[in-house]
All heavy atoms as atom14 arrays in JSON, in Angstrom:
{
  "sequence": "YFHVPLEYQHRTLFWGILGALVLRGAMIGAGAALIHRFSWTIYVFG",
  "atom14_mask": [
    [1, 1, 1, 1, 1, 1, 1, 1, 1, 1, 1, 1, 0, 0],
    [1, 1, 1, 1, 1, 1, 1, 1, 1, 1, 1, 0, 0, 0],
    [1, 1, 1, 1, 1, 1, 1, 1, 1, 1, 0, 0, 0, 0],
    [1, 1, 1, 1, 1, 1, 1, 0, 0, 0, 0, 0, 0, 0],
    [1, 1, 1, 1, 1, 1, 1, 0, 0, 0, 0, 0, 0, 0],
    [1, 1, 1, 1, 1, 1, 1, 1, 0, 0, 0, 0, 0, 0],
    [1, 1, 1, 1, 1, 1, 1, 1, 1, 0, 0, 0, 0, 0],
    [1, 1, 1, 1, 1, 1, 1, 1, 1, 1, 1, 1, 0, 0],
    [1, 1, 1, 1, 1, 1, 1, 1, 1, 0, 0, 0, 0, 0],
    [1, 1, 1, 1, 1, 1, 1, 1, 1, 1, 0, 0, 0, 0],
    [1, 1, 1, 1, 1, 1, 1, 1, 1, 1, 1, 0, 0, 0],
    [1, 1, 1, 1, 1, 1, 1, 0, 0, 0, 0, 0, 0, 0],
    [1, 1, 1, 1, 1, 1, 1, 1, 0, 0, 0, 0, 0, 0],
    [1, 1, 1, 1, 1, 1, 1, 1, 1, 1, 1, 0, 0, 0],
    [1, 1, 1, 1, 1, 1, 1, 1, 1, 1, 1, 1, 1, 1],
    [1, 1, 1, 1, 0, 0, 0, 0, 0, 0, 0, 0, 0, 0],
    [1, 1, 1, 1, 1, 1, 1, 1, 0, 0, 0, 0, 0, 0],
    [1, 1, 1, 1, 1, 1, 1, 1, 0, 0, 0, 0, 0, 0],
    [1, 1, 1, 1, 0, 0, 0, 0, 0, 0, 0, 0, 0, 0],
    [1, 1, 1, 1, 1, 0, 0, 0, 0, 0, 0, 0, 0, 0],
    [1, 1, 1, 1, 1, 1, 1, 1, 0, 0, 0, 0, 0, 0],
    [1, 1, 1, 1, 1, 1, 1, 0, 0, 0, 0, 0, 0, 0],
    [1, 1, 1, 1, 1, 1, 1, 1, 0, 0, 0, 0, 0, 0],
    [1, 1, 1, 1, 1, 1, 1, 1, 1, 1, 1, 0, 0, 0],
    [1, 1, 1, 1, 0, 0, 0, 0, 0, 0, 0, 0, 0, 0],
    [1, 1, 1, 1, 1, 0, 0, 0, 0, 0, 0, 0, 0, 0],
    [1, 1, 1, 1, 1, 1, 1, 1, 0, 0, 0, 0, 0, 0],
    [1, 1, 1, 1, 1, 1, 1, 1, 0, 0, 0, 0, 0, 0],
    [1, 1, 1, 1, 0, 0, 0, 0, 0, 0, 0, 0, 0, 0],
    [1, 1, 1, 1, 1, 0, 0, 0, 0, 0, 0, 0, 0, 0],
    [1, 1, 1, 1, 0, 0, 0, 0, 0, 0, 0, 0, 0, 0],
    [1, 1, 1, 1, 1, 0, 0, 0, 0, 0, 0, 0, 0, 0],
    [1, 1, 1, 1, 1, 0, 0, 0, 0, 0, 0, 0, 0, 0],
    [1, 1, 1, 1, 1, 1, 1, 1, 0, 0, 0, 0, 0, 0],
    [1, 1, 1, 1, 1, 1, 1, 1, 0, 0, 0, 0, 0, 0],
    [1, 1, 1, 1, 1, 1, 1, 1, 1, 1, 0, 0, 0, 0],
    [1, 1, 1, 1, 1, 1, 1, 1, 1, 1, 1, 0, 0, 0],
    [1, 1, 1, 1, 1, 1, 1, 1, 1, 1, 1, 0, 0, 0],
    [1, 1, 1, 1, 1, 1, 0, 0, 0, 0, 0, 0, 0, 0],
    [1, 1, 1, 1, 1, 1, 1, 1, 1, 1, 1, 1, 1, 1],
    [1, 1, 1, 1, 1, 1, 1, 0, 0, 0, 0, 0, 0, 0],
    [1, 1, 1, 1, 1, 1, 1, 1, 0, 0, 0, 0, 0, 0],
    [1, 1, 1, 1, 1, 1, 1, 1, 1, 1, 1, 1, 0, 0],
    [1, 1, 1, 1, 1, 1, 1, 0, 0, 0, 0, 0, 0, 0],
    [1, 1, 1, 1, 1, 1, 1, 1, 1, 1, 1, 0, 0, 0],
    [1, 1, 1, 1, 0, 0, 0, 0, 0, 0, 0, 0, 0, 0]
  ],
  "atom14_positions": [
    [[76.12, -0.54, 99.01], [76.4, 0.89, 98.88], [76.06, 1.63, 100.18], [76.81, 2.49, 100.63], [75.6, 1.46, 97.72], [75.89, 2.92, 97.42], [76.88, 3.27, 96.5], [75.17, 3.93, 98.03], [77.14, 4.6, 96.21], [75.42, 5.27, 97.75], [76.41, 5.59, 96.84], [76.67, 6.91, 96.57], [0.0, 0.0, 0.0], [0.0, 0.0, 0.0]],
    [[74.9, 1.28, 100.77], [74.46, 1.96, 102.0], [74.92, 1.24, 103.26], [74.59, 1.68, 104.37], [72.93, 2.07, 102.01], [72.37, 3.11, 101.07], [71.9, 2.76, 99.82], [72.33, 4.45, 101.45], [71.38, 3.72, 98.96], [71.81, 5.42, 100.6], [71.34, 5.05, 99.35], [0.0, 0.0, 0.0], [0.0, 0.0, 0.0], [0.0, 0.0, 0.0]],
    [[75.64, 0.13, 103.11], [76.13, -0.64, 104.25], [74.99, -1.03, 105.2], [75.08, -0.83, 106.42], [77.2, 0.17, 105.03], [78.33, 0.65, 104.18], [79.28, -0.21, 103.64], [78.66, 1.9, 103.74], [80.15, 0.49, 102.93], [79.8, 1.76, 102.96], [0.0, 0.0, 0.0], [0.0, 0.0, 0.0], [0.0, 0.0, 0.0], [0.0, 0.0, 0.0]],
    [[73.95, -1.6, 104.62], [72.78, -2.0, 105.41], [73.11, -3.26, 106.2], [73.51, -4.27, 105.6], [71.56, -2.26, 104.51], [70.35, -2.66, 105.34], [71.25, -1.03, 103.67], [0.0, 0.0, 0.0], [0.0, 0.0, 0.0], [0.0, 0.0, 0.0], [0.0, 0.0, 0.0], [0.0, 0.0, 0.0], [0.0, 0.0, 0.0], [0.0, 0.0, 0.0]],
    [[72.96, -3.24, 107.52], [73.21, -4.46, 108.32], [72.3, -5.61, 107.87], [71.16, -5.4, 107.45], [72.87, -4.01, 109.74], [73.05, -2.53, 109.73], [72.61, -2.09, 108.36], [0.0, 0.0, 0.0], [0.0, 0.0, 0.0], [0.0, 0.0, 0.0], [0.0, 0.0, 0.0], [0.0, 0.0, 0.0], [0.0, 0.0, 0.0], [0.0, 0.0, 0.0]],
    [[72.8, -6.83, 107.96], [72.07, -8.0, 107.49], [70.71, -8.15, 108.17], [69.73, -8.55, 107.55], [72.9, -9.27, 107.73], [74.14, -9.45, 106.83], [74.93, -10.68, 107.28], [73.71, -9.6, 105.38], [0.0, 0.0, 0.0], [0.0, 0.0, 0.0], [0.0, 0.0, 0.0], [0.0, 0.0, 0.0], [0.0, 0.0, 0.0], [0.0, 0.0, 0.0]],
    [[70.64, -7.82, 109.46], [69.39, -8.03, 110.19], [68.27, -7.09, 109.76], [67.1, -7.33, 110.09], [69.62, -7.9, 111.7], [70.15, -6.55, 112.14], [71.66, -6.51, 112.21], [72.3, -7.27, 111.47], [72.2, -5.71, 113.01], [0.0, 0.0, 0.0], [0.0, 0.0, 0.0], [0.0, 0.0, 0.0], [0.0, 0.0, 0.0], [0.0, 0.0, 0.0]],
    [[68.59, -6.02, 109.02], [67.56, -5.08, 108.58], [67.18, -5.27, 107.11], [66.25, -4.62, 106.62], [68.03, -3.64, 108.79], [68.44, -3.31, 110.2], [69.45, -2.38, 110.47], [67.85, -3.95, 111.29], [69.83, -2.09, 111.77], [68.23, -3.65, 112.59], [69.23, -2.73, 112.82], [69.61, -2.45, 114.11], [0.0, 0.0, 0.0], [0.0, 0.0, 0.0]],
    [[67.88, -6.12, 106.41], [67.64, -6.26, 104.98], [66.3, -6.93, 104.66], [65.62, -6.54, 103.72], [68.8, -7.04, 104.34], [70.11, -6.28, 104.35], [71.24, -7.05, 103.69], [71.03, -8.1, 103.08], [72.45, -6.53, 103.8], [0.0, 0.0, 0.0], [0.0, 0.0, 0.0], [0.0, 0.0, 0.0], [0.0, 0.0, 0.0], [0.0, 0.0, 0.0]],
    [[65.91, -7.93, 105.42], [64.67, -8.65, 105.13], [63.46, -7.73, 105.25], [62.58, -7.72, 104.38], [64.52, -9.85, 106.06], [63.29, -10.66, 105.81], [62.07, -10.35, 106.37], [63.08, -11.75, 105.02], [61.17, -11.23, 105.96], [61.74, -12.08, 105.14], [0.0, 0.0, 0.0], [0.0, 0.0, 0.0], [0.0, 0.0, 0.0], [0.0, 0.0, 0.0]],
    [[63.4, -6.97, 106.34], [62.25, -6.07, 106.54], [62.2, -4.99, 105.45], [61.12, -4.61, 104.99], [62.32, -5.44, 107.93], [61.11, -4.61, 108.32], [61.21, -4.18, 109.77], [61.12, -5.32, 110.67], [59.98, -5.71, 111.25], [58.86, -5.05, 111.03], [59.96, -6.74, 112.05], [0.0, 0.0, 0.0], [0.0, 0.0, 0.0], [0.0, 0.0, 0.0]],
    [[63.35, -4.5, 105.05], [63.39, -3.49, 103.98], [62.86, -4.07, 102.68], [62.07, -3.43, 101.98], [64.83, -2.99, 103.78], [65.35, -2.52, 105.02], [64.87, -1.86, 102.77], [0.0, 0.0, 0.0], [0.0, 0.0, 0.0], [0.0, 0.0, 0.0], [0.0, 0.0, 0.0], [0.0, 0.0, 0.0], [0.0, 0.0, 0.0], [0.0, 0.0, 0.0]],
    [[63.29, -5.29, 102.34], [62.8, -5.94, 101.13], [61.3, -6.24, 101.22], [60.6, -6.19, 100.21], [63.57, -7.24, 100.88], [64.96, -7.08, 100.28], [65.62, -8.45, 100.12], [64.9, -6.36, 98.95], [0.0, 0.0, 0.0], [0.0, 0.0, 0.0], [0.0, 0.0, 0.0], [0.0, 0.0, 0.0], [0.0, 0.0, 0.0], [0.0, 0.0, 0.0]],
    [[60.81, -6.53, 102.43], [59.38, -6.78, 102.59], [58.56, -5.58, 102.13], [57.66, -5.7, 101.32], [59.06, -7.1, 104.06], [57.59, -7.19, 104.35], [56.93, -8.39, 104.21], [56.86, -6.07, 104.74], [55.57, -8.49, 104.47], [55.5, -6.15, 104.99], [54.85, -7.37, 104.85], [0.0, 0.0, 0.0], [0.0, 0.0, 0.0], [0.0, 0.0, 0.0]],
    [[58.9, -4.41, 102.65], [58.15, -3.2, 102.28], [58.43, -2.81, 100.83], [57.55, -2.27, 100.14], [58.5, -2.06, 103.22], [57.96, -2.29, 104.6], [58.68, -2.61, 105.72], [56.59, -2.28, 105.01], [57.85, -2.78, 106.8], [56.56, -2.59, 106.39], [55.4, -2.03, 104.35], [55.37, -2.65, 107.11], [54.21, -2.1, 105.06], [54.2, -2.4, 106.43]],
    [[59.64, -3.08, 100.37], [59.94, -2.8, 98.97], [59.1, -3.64, 98.03], [58.58, -3.15, 97.02], [0.0, 0.0, 0.0], [0.0, 0.0, 0.0], [0.0, 0.0, 0.0], [0.0, 0.0, 0.0], [0.0, 0.0, 0.0], [0.0, 0.0, 0.0], [0.0, 0.0, 0.0], [0.0, 0.0, 0.0], [0.0, 0.0, 0.0], [0.0, 0.0, 0.0]],
    [[58.92, -4.91, 98.37], [58.12, -5.8, 97.52], [56.64, -5.48, 97.63], [55.9, -5.57, 96.66], [58.42, -7.26, 97.9], [59.8, -7.64, 97.37], [57.36, -8.21, 97.35], [60.3, -8.98, 97.81], [0.0, 0.0, 0.0], [0.0, 0.0, 0.0], [0.0, 0.0, 0.0], [0.0, 0.0, 0.0], [0.0, 0.0, 0.0], [0.0, 0.0, 0.0]],
    [[56.19, -5.07, 98.81], [54.78, -4.67, 98.96], [54.48, -3.48, 98.05], [53.45, -3.44, 97.36], [54.49, -4.32, 100.42], [53.03, -3.98, 100.75], [52.13, -5.18, 100.44], [52.88, -3.57, 102.21], [0.0, 0.0, 0.0], [0.0, 0.0, 0.0], [0.0, 0.0, 0.0], [0.0, 0.0, 0.0], [0.0, 0.0, 0.0], [0.0, 0.0, 0.0]],
    [[55.38, -2.5, 98.03], [55.2, -1.36, 97.14], [55.28, -1.77, 95.68], [54.53, -1.26, 94.83], [0.0, 0.0, 0.0], [0.0, 0.0, 0.0], [0.0, 0.0, 0.0], [0.0, 0.0, 0.0], [0.0, 0.0, 0.0], [0.0, 0.0, 0.0], [0.0, 0.0, 0.0], [0.0, 0.0, 0.0], [0.0, 0.0, 0.0], [0.0, 0.0, 0.0]],
    [[56.17, -2.73, 95.39], [56.32, -3.2, 94.01], [55.05, -3.88, 93.52], [54.66, -3.73, 92.35], [57.5, -4.17, 93.91], [0.0, 0.0, 0.0], [0.0, 0.0, 0.0], [0.0, 0.0, 0.0], [0.0, 0.0, 0.0], [0.0, 0.0, 0.0], [0.0, 0.0, 0.0], [0.0, 0.0, 0.0], [0.0, 0.0, 0.0], [0.0, 0.0, 0.0]],
    [[54.38, -4.62, 94.39], [53.13, -5.29, 94.0], [52.06, -4.27, 93.61], [51.32, -4.47, 92.65], [52.64, -6.17, 95.15], [53.49, -7.4, 95.48], [52.92, -8.13, 96.7], [53.57, -8.34, 94.29], [0.0, 0.0, 0.0], [0.0, 0.0, 0.0], [0.0, 0.0, 0.0], [0.0, 0.0, 0.0], [0.0, 0.0, 0.0], [0.0, 0.0, 0.0]],
    [[51.97, -3.19, 94.38], [50.98, -2.15, 94.08], [51.31, -1.48, 92.74], [50.44, -1.3, 91.87], [50.95, -1.1, 95.21], [50.0, 0.05, 94.83], [50.51, -1.75, 96.51], [0.0, 0.0, 0.0], [0.0, 0.0, 0.0], [0.0, 0.0, 0.0], [0.0, 0.0, 0.0], [0.0, 0.0, 0.0], [0.0, 0.0, 0.0], [0.0, 0.0, 0.0]],
    [[52.57, -1.11, 92.56], [52.98, -0.43, 91.32], [52.81, -1.34, 90.11], [52.33, -0.91, 89.05], [54.44, 0.03, 91.44], [54.71, 1.16, 92.43], [56.21, 1.39, 92.58], [54.03, 2.45, 91.96], [0.0, 0.0, 0.0], [0.0, 0.0, 0.0], [0.0, 0.0, 0.0], [0.0, 0.0, 0.0], [0.0, 0.0, 0.0], [0.0, 0.0, 0.0]],
    [[53.18, -2.61, 90.25], [53.06, -3.53, 89.13], [51.6, -3.81, 88.79], [51.25, -3.99, 87.63], [53.8, -4.83, 89.43], [55.31, -4.65, 89.43], [56.04, -5.95, 89.59], [57.49, -5.73, 89.57], [58.34, -6.48, 88.91], [57.91, -7.52, 88.22], [59.63, -6.23, 88.94], [0.0, 0.0, 0.0], [0.0, 0.0, 0.0], [0.0, 0.0, 0.0]],
    [[50.75, -3.86, 89.83], [49.32, -4.04, 89.58], [48.78, -2.92, 88.71], [48.01, -3.16, 87.77], [0.0, 0.0, 0.0], [0.0, 0.0, 0.0], [0.0, 0.0, 0.0], [0.0, 0.0, 0.0], [0.0, 0.0, 0.0], [0.0, 0.0, 0.0], [0.0, 0.0, 0.0], [0.0, 0.0, 0.0], [0.0, 0.0, 0.0], [0.0, 0.0, 0.0]],
    [[49.18, -1.69, 89.03], [48.73, -0.54, 88.25], [49.29, -0.59, 86.82], [48.58, -0.31, 85.85], [49.18, 0.75, 88.93], [0.0, 0.0, 0.0], [0.0, 0.0, 0.0], [0.0, 0.0, 0.0], [0.0, 0.0, 0.0], [0.0, 0.0, 0.0], [0.0, 0.0, 0.0], [0.0, 0.0, 0.0], [0.0, 0.0, 0.0], [0.0, 0.0, 0.0]],
    [[50.55, -1.01, 86.67], [51.16, -1.08, 85.35], [50.53, -2.19, 84.5], [50.35, -2.04, 83.29], [52.67, -1.31, 85.49], [53.4, -0.14, 86.13], [55.16, -0.45, 86.42], [55.77, -0.44, 84.73], [0.0, 0.0, 0.0], [0.0, 0.0, 0.0], [0.0, 0.0, 0.0], [0.0, 0.0, 0.0], [0.0, 0.0, 0.0], [0.0, 0.0, 0.0]],
    [[50.19, -3.3, 85.14], [49.54, -4.4, 84.41], [48.16, -3.98, 83.93], [47.76, -4.26, 82.8], [49.45, -5.66, 85.31], [50.84, -6.27, 85.48], [48.49, -6.69, 84.71], [50.9, -7.37, 86.53], [0.0, 0.0, 0.0], [0.0, 0.0, 0.0], [0.0, 0.0, 0.0], [0.0, 0.0, 0.0], [0.0, 0.0, 0.0], [0.0, 0.0, 0.0]],
    [[47.43, -3.28, 84.81], [46.11, -2.78, 84.41], [46.19, -1.83, 83.23], [45.4, -1.91, 82.29], [0.0, 0.0, 0.0], [0.0, 0.0, 0.0], [0.0, 0.0, 0.0], [0.0, 0.0, 0.0], [0.0, 0.0, 0.0], [0.0, 0.0, 0.0], [0.0, 0.0, 0.0], [0.0, 0.0, 0.0], [0.0, 0.0, 0.0], [0.0, 0.0, 0.0]],
    [[47.18, -0.94, 83.29], [47.37, 0.02, 82.19], [47.78, -0.69, 80.91], [47.29, -0.39, 79.81], [48.41, 1.06, 82.58], [0.0, 0.0, 0.0], [0.0, 0.0, 0.0], [0.0, 0.0, 0.0], [0.0, 0.0, 0.0], [0.0, 0.0, 0.0], [0.0, 0.0, 0.0], [0.0, 0.0, 0.0], [0.0, 0.0, 0.0], [0.0, 0.0, 0.0]],
    [[48.69, -1.66, 81.03], [49.15, -2.4, 79.86], [48.04, -3.2, 79.21], [47.91, -3.23, 77.97], [0.0, 0.0, 0.0], [0.0, 0.0, 0.0], [0.0, 0.0, 0.0], [0.0, 0.0, 0.0], [0.0, 0.0, 0.0], [0.0, 0.0, 0.0], [0.0, 0.0, 0.0], [0.0, 0.0, 0.0], [0.0, 0.0, 0.0], [0.0, 0.0, 0.0]],
    [[47.22, -3.86, 80.03], [46.1, -4.64, 79.51], [45.1, -3.75, 78.79], [44.56, -4.11, 77.73], [45.41, -5.4, 80.64], [0.0, 0.0, 0.0], [0.0, 0.0, 0.0], [0.0, 0.0, 0.0], [0.0, 0.0, 0.0], [0.0, 0.0, 0.0], [0.0, 0.0, 0.0], [0.0, 0.0, 0.0], [0.0, 0.0, 0.0], [0.0, 0.0, 0.0]],
    [[44.84, -2.57, 79.37], [43.9, -1.64, 78.74], [44.43, -1.13, 77.41], [43.68, -1.01, 76.43], [43.63, -0.47, 79.7], [0.0, 0.0, 0.0], [0.0, 0.0, 0.0], [0.0, 0.0, 0.0], [0.0, 0.0, 0.0], [0.0, 0.0, 0.0], [0.0, 0.0, 0.0], [0.0, 0.0, 0.0], [0.0, 0.0, 0.0], [0.0, 0.0, 0.0]],
    [[45.72, -0.85, 77.35], [46.32, -0.37, 76.09], [46.26, -1.42, 75.0], [45.91, -1.12, 73.84], [47.78, 0.04, 76.34], [48.02, 1.38, 77.04], [49.49, 1.55, 77.38], [47.53, 2.53, 76.17], [0.0, 0.0, 0.0], [0.0, 0.0, 0.0], [0.0, 0.0, 0.0], [0.0, 0.0, 0.0], [0.0, 0.0, 0.0], [0.0, 0.0, 0.0]],
    [[46.6, -2.67, 75.34], [46.57, -3.74, 74.34], [45.15, -4.0, 73.86], [44.91, -4.25, 72.67], [47.2, -5.03, 74.92], [48.7, -4.81, 75.15], [46.98, -6.22, 74.0], [49.39, -5.98, 75.82], [0.0, 0.0, 0.0], [0.0, 0.0, 0.0], [0.0, 0.0, 0.0], [0.0, 0.0, 0.0], [0.0, 0.0, 0.0], [0.0, 0.0, 0.0]],
    [[44.19, -3.91, 74.8], [42.78, -4.13, 74.42], [42.27, -3.02, 73.51], [41.53, -3.27, 72.57], [41.92, -4.22, 75.68], [40.47, -4.41, 75.41], [39.94, -5.6, 74.95], [39.41, -3.55, 75.49], [38.64, -5.48, 74.78], [38.3, -4.24, 75.1], [0.0, 0.0, 0.0], [0.0, 0.0, 0.0], [0.0, 0.0, 0.0], [0.0, 0.0, 0.0]],
    [[42.71, -1.79, 73.8], [42.23, -0.63, 73.04], [43.0, -0.46, 71.73], [42.42, -0.15, 70.69], [42.36, 0.62, 73.91], [41.84, 1.89, 73.26], [40.34, 1.94, 73.23], [39.85, 3.15, 72.62], [39.62, 4.29, 73.29], [39.87, 4.34, 74.61], [39.16, 5.36, 72.68], [0.0, 0.0, 0.0], [0.0, 0.0, 0.0], [0.0, 0.0, 0.0]],
    [[44.31, -0.65, 71.8], [45.16, -0.44, 70.62], [45.98, -1.71, 70.39], [46.97, -1.95, 71.11], [46.09, 0.76, 70.81], [45.38, 2.02, 71.22], [45.47, 2.47, 72.54], [44.63, 2.74, 70.31], [44.83, 3.64, 72.92], [43.99, 3.91, 70.69], [44.08, 4.36, 72.0], [0.0, 0.0, 0.0], [0.0, 0.0, 0.0], [0.0, 0.0, 0.0]],
    [[45.62, -2.51, 69.43], [46.29, -3.79, 69.2], [47.75, -3.62, 68.82], [48.58, -4.5, 69.08], [45.56, -4.57, 68.1], [45.55, -3.83, 66.88], [0.0, 0.0, 0.0], [0.0, 0.0, 0.0], [0.0, 0.0, 0.0], [0.0, 0.0, 0.0], [0.0, 0.0, 0.0], [0.0, 0.0, 0.0], [0.0, 0.0, 0.0], [0.0, 0.0, 0.0]],
    [[48.11, -2.45, 68.23], [49.49, -2.23, 67.83], [50.42, -2.03, 69.03], [51.66, -2.03, 68.87], [49.6, -1.03, 66.9], [48.89, 0.21, 67.39], [47.65, 0.64, 67.04], [49.39, 1.18, 68.33], [47.33, 1.81, 67.68], [48.39, 2.16, 68.48], [50.58, 1.3, 69.04], [48.54, 3.25, 69.33], [50.74, 2.39, 69.89], [49.73, 3.35, 70.03]],
    [[49.85, -1.89, 70.23], [50.69, -1.73, 71.42], [51.61, -2.92, 71.62], [52.71, -2.79, 72.16], [49.8, -1.54, 72.67], [48.89, -0.45, 72.46], [50.65, -1.24, 73.9], [0.0, 0.0, 0.0], [0.0, 0.0, 0.0], [0.0, 0.0, 0.0], [0.0, 0.0, 0.0], [0.0, 0.0, 0.0], [0.0, 0.0, 0.0], [0.0, 0.0, 0.0]],
    [[51.16, -4.1, 71.18], [51.97, -5.31, 71.35], [53.29, -5.18, 70.6], [54.33, -5.69, 71.03], [51.18, -6.56, 70.88], [51.78, -7.82, 71.48], [51.11, -6.64, 69.37], [51.52, -8.0, 72.94], [0.0, 0.0, 0.0], [0.0, 0.0, 0.0], [0.0, 0.0, 0.0], [0.0, 0.0, 0.0], [0.0, 0.0, 0.0], [0.0, 0.0, 0.0]],
    [[53.28, -4.45, 69.46], [54.52, -4.24, 68.7], [55.44, -3.26, 69.43], [56.66, -3.4, 69.39], [54.19, -3.71, 67.31], [53.36, -4.67, 66.48], [52.09, -4.31, 66.03], [53.83, -5.94, 66.16], [51.32, -5.18, 65.28], [53.06, -6.82, 65.41], [51.81, -6.44, 64.97], [51.05, -7.31, 64.24], [0.0, 0.0, 0.0], [0.0, 0.0, 0.0]],
    [[54.84, -2.29, 70.1], [55.63, -1.35, 70.9], [56.34, -2.09, 72.03], [57.53, -1.88, 72.29], [54.73, -0.23, 71.46], [55.55, 0.7, 72.37], [54.09, 0.57, 70.33], [0.0, 0.0, 0.0], [0.0, 0.0, 0.0], [0.0, 0.0, 0.0], [0.0, 0.0, 0.0], [0.0, 0.0, 0.0], [0.0, 0.0, 0.0], [0.0, 0.0, 0.0]],
    [[55.59, -2.98, 72.69], [56.18, -3.77, 73.77], [57.31, -4.65, 73.23], [58.34, -4.83, 73.88], [55.11, -4.63, 74.44], [54.2, -3.87, 75.35], [53.06, -4.46, 75.88], [54.46, -2.56, 75.7], [52.22, -3.76, 76.73], [53.64, -1.84, 76.54], [52.5, -2.44, 77.06], [0.0, 0.0, 0.0], [0.0, 0.0, 0.0], [0.0, 0.0, 0.0]],
    [[57.1, -5.23, 72.05], [58.13, -6.08, 71.46], [59.41, -5.31, 71.18], [60.51, -5.78, 71.5], [0.0, 0.0, 0.0], [0.0, 0.0, 0.0], [0.0, 0.0, 0.0], [0.0, 0.0, 0.0], [0.0, 0.0, 0.0], [0.0, 0.0, 0.0], [0.0, 0.0, 0.0], [0.0, 0.0, 0.0], [0.0, 0.0, 0.0], [0.0, 0.0, 0.0]]
  ]
}
């Protein structure tokens, strides 16, 4: 869509994945806390 040249795609994905790791870490922490606190959360996830 953005016509990104091939030589710039790897570096863009690098920073994209670095940000994804941070965001997913926060989401996993929140999810684990919810399941530990409220057992019915597992049904919501399902």
